Amino acid sequence: ISRQRDSIFRSVALEHLDELVRQATNIADGTFVFEGTEAWRIIYERLLRSPGLHLYRSVAWIKNANYWQDEPGRKSMAVNFEMHDAERLNIERIAIIADELWPVSEVWPVEPIRQWLHEQYARGIWIKFVRQSVLEKEPELVADIGVYGSRAVGIQELDEQCRTVRFTLTFDATRVSNVETQWDKLAVYAESFATYLDRYEMPG
């Protein structure tokens, strides 16, 4: 770089080097950040399939009816079902559903969210759900998070069209413990899908 005399080249090179230093610092801290890409799903699958992982807890923040309905999302769900059906992994999921997708005047969330939840329940996955407005006084609980046993925490940030903006994966025991506490608190607000189904018939 020092042999290049072009000032624009040198300034761009320094910017890229600064970014490399930032990435290396994050990695040293046990954190990987995937910006605007679905590449994180490869690591997600590797974690779910890894030996010694027996519990996966997921908080799905559903702001759009297309949540996990695209091809990458369906493939990720297929891995969930495969691992659960093989009894290699216990999966627990809490869905936080935006009020426009589950109006207070409606018993059930809109399609295809309702079927997405019901399919998981029917396959034996532990499911709870809650309207986002119920958590109005607990905004720190509203997030899209995966907890991979005691090993790692993943935080997914989506845009309004359910495209990945950022996925942050952290291998940090303290962070995992903090998120587990957050999970326990969220579970108090959420209702079991099984219990709900006992009270209300699913639309045909």
Protein backbone atom coordinates (compact mmCIF):
# COMPACT_ATOMS: atom_id res chain seq x y z
CA ILE A 1 0.00 0.00 0.00
CA SER A 2 2.81 2.38 0.89
CA ARG A 3 4.26 1.99 -2.63
CA GLN A 4 1.07 3.30 -4.20
CA ARG A 5 1.13 7.05 -4.76
CA ASP A 6 -2.50 7.57 -5.70
CA SER A 7 -4.15 9.48 -2.84
CA ILE A 8 -7.63 8.00 -3.45
CA PHE A 9 -6.21 4.48 -3.43
CA ARG A 10 -4.39 5.15 -0.16
CA SER A 11 -7.46 6.62 1.56
CA VAL A 12 -9.71 3.74 0.43
CA ALA A 13 -7.07 1.20 1.48
CA LEU A 14 -6.84 2.75 4.94
CA GLU A 15 -10.62 2.64 5.31
CA HIS A 16 -10.61 -1.07 4.43
CA LEU A 17 -7.78 -1.73 6.85
CA ASP A 18 -9.74 0.02 9.60
CA GLU A 19 -12.68 -2.28 8.83
CA LEU A 20 -10.43 -5.34 8.97
CA VAL A 21 -9.13 -4.24 12.38
CA ARG A 22 -12.72 -3.77 13.59
CA GLN A 23 -13.69 -7.25 12.36
CA ALA A 24 -10.62 -8.84 13.95
CA THR A 25 -11.43 -7.11 17.25
CA ASN A 26 -15.00 -8.47 17.16
CA ILE A 27 -13.75 -11.98 16.41
CA ALA A 28 -11.29 -11.76 19.31
CA ASP A 29 -14.26 -10.87 21.51
CA GLY A 30 -16.14 -13.94 20.23
CA THR A 31 -18.51 -12.04 17.94
CA PHE A 32 -19.22 -12.47 14.24
CA VAL A 33 -21.31 -9.93 12.33
CA PHE A 34 -22.99 -10.74 9.00
CA GLU A 35 -24.14 -7.59 7.23
CA GLY A 36 -27.00 -7.72 4.71
CA THR A 37 -26.52 -11.38 3.80
CA GLU A 38 -28.11 -14.77 4.42
CA ALA A 39 -24.65 -16.37 4.79
CA TRP A 40 -25.25 -16.62 8.54
CA ARG A 41 -27.67 -19.49 7.92
CA ILE A 42 -24.72 -21.78 7.08
CA ILE A 43 -23.28 -21.16 10.56
CA TYR A 44 -26.78 -21.50 12.03
CA GLU A 45 -27.12 -24.99 10.55
CA ARG A 46 -23.62 -25.97 11.69
CA LEU A 47 -24.52 -24.98 15.24
CA LEU A 48 -27.80 -26.91 15.22
CA ARG A 49 -26.02 -30.01 13.94
CA SER A 50 -23.01 -29.70 16.25
CA PRO A 51 -22.34 -32.51 18.76
CA GLY A 52 -23.29 -31.65 22.32
CA LEU A 53 -26.02 -29.15 21.42
CA HIS A 54 -29.29 -30.41 22.85
CA LEU A 55 -31.42 -27.25 23.25
CA TYR A 56 -32.19 -24.46 20.79
CA ARG A 57 -34.36 -21.58 21.96
CA SER A 58 -35.68 -19.11 19.43
CA VAL A 59 -37.53 -15.81 19.78
CA ALA A 60 -39.18 -14.96 16.45
CA TRP A 61 -40.11 -11.28 16.14
CA ILE A 62 -42.69 -11.38 13.36
CA LYS A 63 -43.28 -7.99 11.75
CA ASN A 64 -44.27 -9.26 8.32
CA ALA A 65 -46.45 -12.15 7.14
CA ASN A 66 -43.54 -13.34 4.98
CA TYR A 67 -41.40 -14.12 8.02
CA TRP A 68 -39.24 -17.19 7.19
CA GLN A 69 -41.48 -17.95 4.22
CA ASP A 70 -38.78 -17.49 1.58
CA GLU A 71 -36.51 -20.29 0.35
CA PRO A 72 -33.71 -19.74 2.93
CA GLY A 73 -36.29 -19.57 5.71
CA ARG A 74 -38.00 -22.80 4.59
CA LYS A 75 -34.64 -24.57 4.41
CA SER A 76 -33.81 -23.43 7.94
CA MET A 77 -37.17 -24.72 9.18
CA ALA A 78 -36.49 -28.04 7.43
CA VAL A 79 -33.30 -28.35 9.49
CA ASN A 80 -35.32 -27.59 12.63
CA PHE A 81 -37.78 -30.37 11.82
CA GLU A 82 -35.03 -32.82 10.86
CA MET A 83 -33.10 -32.33 14.09
CA HIS A 84 -36.24 -32.40 16.24
CA ASP A 85 -37.71 -35.48 14.53
CA ALA A 86 -34.41 -37.31 15.01
CA GLU A 87 -34.57 -36.41 18.73
CA ARG A 88 -31.15 -34.83 18.47
CA LEU A 89 -32.37 -31.37 19.48
CA ASN A 90 -35.10 -29.92 21.68
CA ILE A 91 -36.51 -26.77 20.11
CA GLU A 92 -38.47 -24.12 21.96
CA ARG A 93 -39.83 -21.06 20.17
CA ILE A 94 -41.64 -17.92 21.32
CA ALA A 95 -43.23 -15.80 18.59
CA ILE A 96 -43.68 -12.07 19.16
CA ILE A 97 -46.32 -11.05 16.63
CA ALA A 98 -46.91 -7.48 15.47
CA ASP A 99 -50.45 -6.29 16.21
CA GLU A 100 -51.26 -5.67 12.55
CA LEU A 101 -50.66 -9.39 11.99
CA TRP A 102 -52.68 -10.35 15.06
CA PRO A 103 -55.27 -7.65 15.76
CA VAL A 104 -56.81 -7.59 19.21
CA SER A 105 -60.20 -8.11 17.55
CA GLU A 106 -59.02 -11.41 16.02
CA VAL A 107 -58.63 -14.73 17.81
CA TRP A 108 -55.79 -15.97 15.59
CA PRO A 109 -52.90 -14.34 13.74
CA VAL A 110 -53.17 -13.88 9.99
CA GLU A 111 -52.06 -16.46 7.47
CA PRO A 112 -49.46 -17.74 6.78
CA ILE A 113 -48.23 -17.00 10.32
CA ARG A 114 -50.99 -19.08 11.90
CA GLN A 115 -50.11 -22.13 9.81
CA TRP A 116 -46.38 -21.56 10.33
CA LEU A 117 -46.90 -21.79 14.09
CA HIS A 118 -49.37 -24.66 13.88
CA GLU A 119 -47.08 -26.77 11.71
CA GLN A 120 -44.30 -26.46 14.27
CA TYR A 121 -46.67 -27.33 17.10
CA ALA A 122 -48.00 -30.34 15.16
CA ARG A 123 -44.40 -31.54 14.66
CA GLY A 124 -43.83 -31.45 18.41
CA ILE A 125 -41.92 -28.18 18.74
CA TRP A 126 -42.64 -26.23 21.96
CA ILE A 127 -44.43 -23.05 20.88
CA LYS A 128 -45.60 -19.96 22.73
CA PHE A 129 -46.81 -16.68 21.23
CA VAL A 130 -47.66 -13.16 22.28
CA ARG A 131 -48.86 -9.91 20.70
CA GLN A 132 -46.15 -7.29 20.53
CA SER A 133 -48.36 -4.69 22.25
CA VAL A 134 -48.45 -6.87 25.38
CA LEU A 135 -44.74 -6.14 25.74
CA GLU A 136 -45.13 -2.38 25.40
CA LYS A 137 -43.73 -1.78 28.90
CA GLU A 138 -40.92 -4.32 28.37
CA PRO A 139 -39.36 -3.16 25.07
CA GLU A 140 -36.06 -4.89 25.85
CA LEU A 141 -37.85 -8.23 25.40
CA VAL A 142 -38.75 -7.50 21.77
CA ALA A 143 -35.99 -8.95 19.60
CA ASP A 144 -35.28 -11.77 17.16
CA ILE A 145 -32.92 -14.09 19.04
CA GLY A 146 -31.59 -17.63 18.92
CA VAL A 147 -29.92 -19.29 21.91
CA TYR A 148 -27.76 -22.29 21.05
CA GLY A 149 -27.54 -24.21 24.30
CA SER A 150 -24.97 -22.52 26.51
CA ARG A 151 -22.62 -21.90 23.58
CA ALA A 152 -23.81 -18.86 21.66
CA VAL A 153 -26.47 -16.23 21.04
CA GLY A 154 -27.59 -15.02 17.61
CA ILE A 155 -29.46 -11.76 17.05
CA GLN A 156 -31.20 -11.26 13.70
CA GLU A 157 -32.20 -7.82 12.43
CA LEU A 158 -34.69 -7.71 9.55
CA ASP A 159 -36.11 -4.92 7.42
CA GLU A 160 -39.85 -4.50 6.85
CA GLN A 161 -39.73 -7.01 3.96
CA CYS A 162 -38.09 -9.64 6.21
CA ARG A 163 -34.71 -9.32 4.50
CA THR A 164 -31.69 -9.77 6.75
CA VAL A 165 -30.05 -6.47 7.62
CA ARG A 166 -27.62 -7.87 10.16
CA PHE A 167 -27.01 -11.09 12.07
CA THR A 168 -24.73 -10.99 15.11
CA LEU A 169 -23.46 -14.25 16.58
CA THR A 170 -21.72 -14.10 19.97
CA PHE A 171 -19.89 -16.90 21.74
CA ASP A 172 -19.92 -15.40 25.21
CA ALA A 173 -21.15 -17.16 28.37
CA THR A 174 -22.24 -13.92 30.05
CA ARG A 175 -24.27 -12.87 27.02
CA VAL A 176 -25.91 -16.30 26.86
CA SER A 177 -26.82 -16.10 30.55
CA ASN A 178 -28.32 -12.62 30.11
CA VAL A 179 -30.43 -13.74 27.17
CA GLU A 180 -31.64 -16.81 29.08
CA THR A 181 -32.91 -14.44 31.79
CA GLN A 182 -34.61 -12.39 29.07
CA TRP A 183 -36.17 -15.59 27.69
CA ASP A 184 -37.59 -16.59 31.09
CA LYS A 185 -39.18 -13.17 31.48
CA LEU A 186 -40.66 -13.26 27.98
CA ALA A 187 -42.09 -16.73 28.58
CA VAL A 188 -44.22 -15.30 31.41
CA TYR A 189 -46.02 -12.99 28.96
CA ALA A 190 -46.41 -15.55 26.17
CA GLU A 191 -49.16 -18.16 25.96
CA SER A 192 -48.70 -21.81 25.12
CA PHE A 193 -49.94 -22.64 21.63
CA ALA A 194 -51.24 -25.98 22.95
CA THR A 195 -53.28 -24.32 25.70
CA TYR A 196 -54.60 -21.70 23.28
CA LEU A 197 -55.63 -24.40 20.83
CA ASP A 198 -57.63 -26.10 23.59
CA ARG A 199 -59.68 -22.90 23.97
CA TYR A 200 -60.04 -21.78 20.36
CA GLU A 201 -60.67 -23.85 17.26
CA MET A 202 -58.30 -23.30 14.35
CA PRO A 203 -60.02 -21.84 11.26
CA GLY A 204 -60.40 -24.28 8.38
